[in-house]
N, C-alpha and C. Protein backbone atom coordinates (compact mmCIF):
# COMPACT_ATOMS: atom_id res chain seq x y z
N MET A 1 5.37 2.91 10.98
CA MET A 1 6.24 2.01 11.69
C MET A 1 6.84 1.01 10.71
N SER A 2 7.99 0.50 11.07
CA SER A 2 8.63 -0.51 10.24
C SER A 2 8.12 -1.90 10.65
N LEU A 3 8.44 -2.89 9.84
CA LEU A 3 8.05 -4.27 10.15
C LEU A 3 8.58 -4.69 11.52
N VAL A 4 9.84 -4.39 11.79
CA VAL A 4 10.44 -4.75 13.08
C VAL A 4 9.73 -4.04 14.22
N GLU A 5 9.47 -2.74 14.04
CA GLU A 5 8.78 -1.97 15.08
C GLU A 5 7.38 -2.52 15.34
N LEU A 6 6.67 -2.87 14.27
CA LEU A 6 5.34 -3.44 14.42
C LEU A 6 5.39 -4.78 15.15
N ALA A 7 6.32 -5.63 14.76
CA ALA A 7 6.45 -6.94 15.39
C ALA A 7 6.75 -6.80 16.89
N GLU A 8 7.65 -5.89 17.22
CA GLU A 8 7.98 -5.67 18.63
C GLU A 8 6.79 -5.14 19.40
N ALA A 9 6.07 -4.18 18.83
CA ALA A 9 4.92 -3.57 19.50
C ALA A 9 3.78 -4.57 19.70
N LEU A 10 3.62 -5.47 18.74
CA LEU A 10 2.54 -6.46 18.81
C LEU A 10 2.95 -7.74 19.53
N GLY A 11 4.24 -7.91 19.75
CA GLY A 11 4.72 -9.13 20.39
C GLY A 11 4.58 -10.34 19.48
N LEU A 12 4.70 -10.12 18.18
CA LEU A 12 4.58 -11.19 17.19
C LEU A 12 5.89 -11.35 16.44
N LYS A 13 6.05 -12.51 15.79
CA LYS A 13 7.21 -12.72 14.94
C LYS A 13 7.07 -11.89 13.67
N GLU A 14 8.21 -11.46 13.12
CA GLU A 14 8.20 -10.64 11.91
C GLU A 14 7.48 -11.34 10.76
N LYS A 15 7.65 -12.64 10.63
CA LYS A 15 7.00 -13.39 9.55
C LYS A 15 5.48 -13.27 9.64
N ARG A 16 4.93 -13.35 10.84
CA ARG A 16 3.49 -13.23 11.04
C ARG A 16 3.03 -11.81 10.70
N VAL A 17 3.78 -10.83 11.15
CA VAL A 17 3.43 -9.43 10.87
C VAL A 17 3.49 -9.18 9.37
N PHE A 18 4.46 -9.77 8.69
CA PHE A 18 4.57 -9.61 7.24
C PHE A 18 3.31 -10.12 6.56
N ARG A 19 2.82 -11.28 6.98
CA ARG A 19 1.60 -11.83 6.39
C ARG A 19 0.40 -10.92 6.63
N ILE A 20 0.33 -10.36 7.82
CA ILE A 20 -0.76 -9.43 8.14
C ILE A 20 -0.65 -8.20 7.25
N LEU A 21 0.56 -7.65 7.10
CA LEU A 21 0.76 -6.48 6.25
C LEU A 21 0.37 -6.77 4.81
N ARG A 22 0.75 -7.95 4.32
CA ARG A 22 0.40 -8.33 2.95
C ARG A 22 -1.11 -8.34 2.75
N SER A 23 -1.84 -8.89 3.70
CA SER A 23 -3.30 -8.91 3.57
C SER A 23 -3.88 -7.50 3.63
N LEU A 24 -3.28 -6.63 4.42
CA LEU A 24 -3.75 -5.24 4.48
C LEU A 24 -3.44 -4.51 3.18
N PHE A 25 -2.29 -4.80 2.55
CA PHE A 25 -1.98 -4.24 1.23
C PHE A 25 -3.01 -4.68 0.21
N GLU A 26 -3.32 -5.96 0.21
CA GLU A 26 -4.29 -6.50 -0.75
C GLU A 26 -5.67 -5.87 -0.55
N ALA A 27 -6.00 -5.54 0.68
CA ALA A 27 -7.28 -4.89 0.98
C ALA A 27 -7.20 -3.38 0.79
N GLU A 28 -6.04 -2.90 0.38
CA GLU A 28 -5.77 -1.47 0.18
C GLU A 28 -6.09 -0.64 1.41
N ALA A 29 -5.71 -1.19 2.58
CA ALA A 29 -5.92 -0.51 3.84
C ALA A 29 -4.67 0.23 4.31
N ILE A 30 -3.50 -0.18 3.77
CA ILE A 30 -2.25 0.46 4.16
C ILE A 30 -1.41 0.75 2.92
N THR A 31 -0.38 1.56 3.12
CA THR A 31 0.59 1.84 2.07
C THR A 31 1.97 1.86 2.71
N SER A 32 2.99 1.83 1.88
CA SER A 32 4.35 1.87 2.42
C SER A 32 5.13 3.02 1.81
N LEU A 33 6.18 3.40 2.49
CA LEU A 33 7.07 4.46 2.01
C LEU A 33 8.45 4.19 2.57
N ARG A 34 9.45 4.84 2.00
CA ARG A 34 10.83 4.69 2.49
C ARG A 34 11.17 5.89 3.35
N SER A 35 11.74 5.62 4.51
CA SER A 35 12.18 6.71 5.38
C SER A 35 13.52 7.22 4.90
N SER A 36 14.00 8.27 5.50
CA SER A 36 15.27 8.87 5.08
C SER A 36 16.44 7.91 5.27
N ASP A 37 16.31 6.96 6.20
CA ASP A 37 17.39 6.00 6.41
C ASP A 37 17.24 4.74 5.54
N GLY A 38 16.24 4.75 4.65
CA GLY A 38 16.05 3.66 3.71
C GLY A 38 15.14 2.54 4.20
N ALA A 39 14.69 2.63 5.44
CA ALA A 39 13.80 1.60 5.99
C ALA A 39 12.39 1.78 5.42
N ARG A 40 11.74 0.66 5.14
CA ARG A 40 10.36 0.72 4.67
C ARG A 40 9.44 0.91 5.87
N LYS A 41 8.56 1.90 5.77
CA LYS A 41 7.60 2.20 6.83
C LYS A 41 6.19 1.98 6.28
N TYR A 42 5.26 1.70 7.16
CA TYR A 42 3.89 1.43 6.77
C TYR A 42 2.96 2.40 7.48
N ARG A 43 1.88 2.76 6.77
CA ARG A 43 0.88 3.63 7.39
C ARG A 43 -0.50 3.28 6.85
N VAL A 44 -1.50 3.59 7.64
CA VAL A 44 -2.88 3.34 7.26
C VAL A 44 -3.30 4.39 6.25
N LEU A 45 -4.02 3.96 5.21
CA LEU A 45 -4.56 4.91 4.24
C LEU A 45 -5.76 5.62 4.84
N THR A 46 -5.90 6.89 4.54
CA THR A 46 -7.07 7.63 4.99
C THR A 46 -8.27 7.22 4.15
N ALA A 47 -9.44 7.55 4.62
CA ALA A 47 -10.67 7.24 3.88
C ALA A 47 -10.64 7.91 2.51
N GLU A 48 -10.12 9.14 2.45
CA GLU A 48 -10.04 9.87 1.18
C GLU A 48 -9.10 9.17 0.21
N GLU A 49 -7.97 8.67 0.71
CA GLU A 49 -7.02 7.96 -0.14
C GLU A 49 -7.61 6.66 -0.68
N ARG A 50 -8.37 5.95 0.17
CA ARG A 50 -9.01 4.71 -0.28
C ARG A 50 -10.06 5.00 -1.34
N LYS A 51 -10.83 6.09 -1.16
CA LYS A 51 -11.84 6.47 -2.15
C LYS A 51 -11.18 6.84 -3.47
N ALA A 52 -10.09 7.59 -3.41
CA ALA A 52 -9.38 8.00 -4.62
C ALA A 52 -8.84 6.78 -5.35
N SER A 53 -8.31 5.83 -4.61
CA SER A 53 -7.78 4.61 -5.21
C SER A 53 -8.89 3.81 -5.88
N ALA A 54 -10.02 3.71 -5.21
CA ALA A 54 -11.16 2.97 -5.78
C ALA A 54 -11.69 3.68 -7.02
N LYS A 55 -11.71 5.01 -7.00
CA LYS A 55 -12.19 5.77 -8.14
C LYS A 55 -11.28 5.57 -9.34
N GLU A 56 -9.96 5.54 -9.13
CA GLU A 56 -9.00 5.32 -10.21
C GLU A 56 -9.21 3.97 -10.86
N GLU A 57 -9.55 2.96 -10.06
CA GLU A 57 -9.77 1.62 -10.60
C GLU A 57 -11.05 1.55 -11.42
N GLU A 58 -12.06 2.36 -11.06
CA GLU A 58 -13.33 2.34 -11.76
C GLU A 58 -13.25 3.01 -13.13
N GLU A 59 -12.43 4.06 -13.23
CA GLU A 59 -12.34 4.82 -14.47
C GLU A 59 -11.54 4.05 -15.51
N PRO A 60 -12.11 3.84 -16.70
CA PRO A 60 -11.35 3.15 -17.75
C PRO A 60 -10.21 4.04 -18.25
N GLU A 61 -9.11 3.40 -18.60
CA GLU A 61 -7.98 4.16 -19.12
C GLU A 61 -8.29 4.64 -20.53
N GLU A 62 -7.92 5.88 -20.78
CA GLU A 62 -8.11 6.42 -22.12
C GLU A 62 -6.84 6.18 -22.92
N LEU A 63 -7.00 5.72 -24.13
CA LEU A 63 -5.85 5.50 -25.00
C LEU A 63 -5.52 6.77 -25.74
N ASP A 64 -4.25 7.02 -25.90
CA ASP A 64 -3.84 8.13 -26.74
C ASP A 64 -4.16 7.75 -28.17
N GLU A 65 -4.53 8.74 -28.98
CA GLU A 65 -4.83 8.46 -30.37
C GLU A 65 -3.64 7.84 -31.09
N GLU A 66 -2.43 8.29 -30.72
CA GLU A 66 -1.23 7.76 -31.35
C GLU A 66 -1.07 6.29 -31.00
N GLU A 67 -1.34 5.90 -29.76
CA GLU A 67 -1.22 4.50 -29.37
C GLU A 67 -2.25 3.66 -30.08
N ASP A 68 -3.44 4.23 -30.26
CA ASP A 68 -4.54 3.49 -30.89
C ASP A 68 -4.22 3.18 -32.35
N GLU A 69 -3.46 4.05 -33.01
CA GLU A 69 -3.16 3.87 -34.42
C GLU A 69 -2.07 2.83 -34.66
N GLU A 70 -1.27 2.56 -33.66
CA GLU A 70 -0.15 1.63 -33.83
C GLU A 70 -0.56 0.23 -34.00
């Protein structure tokens, strides 16, 4: 759903919904994407997506040998 759609469905002002969405982004509970008409849409992350995101954060980045030499 878009921000406007969420605000209408919840009966809240868009500004309030935006703050809620921001907190959900920070908690990595939702993600956003662009629809074919260019509108930003939001969706809940699945448990598998949250686990994958957490796993990526835990793994240290490996440096390329070339980068290490610079």
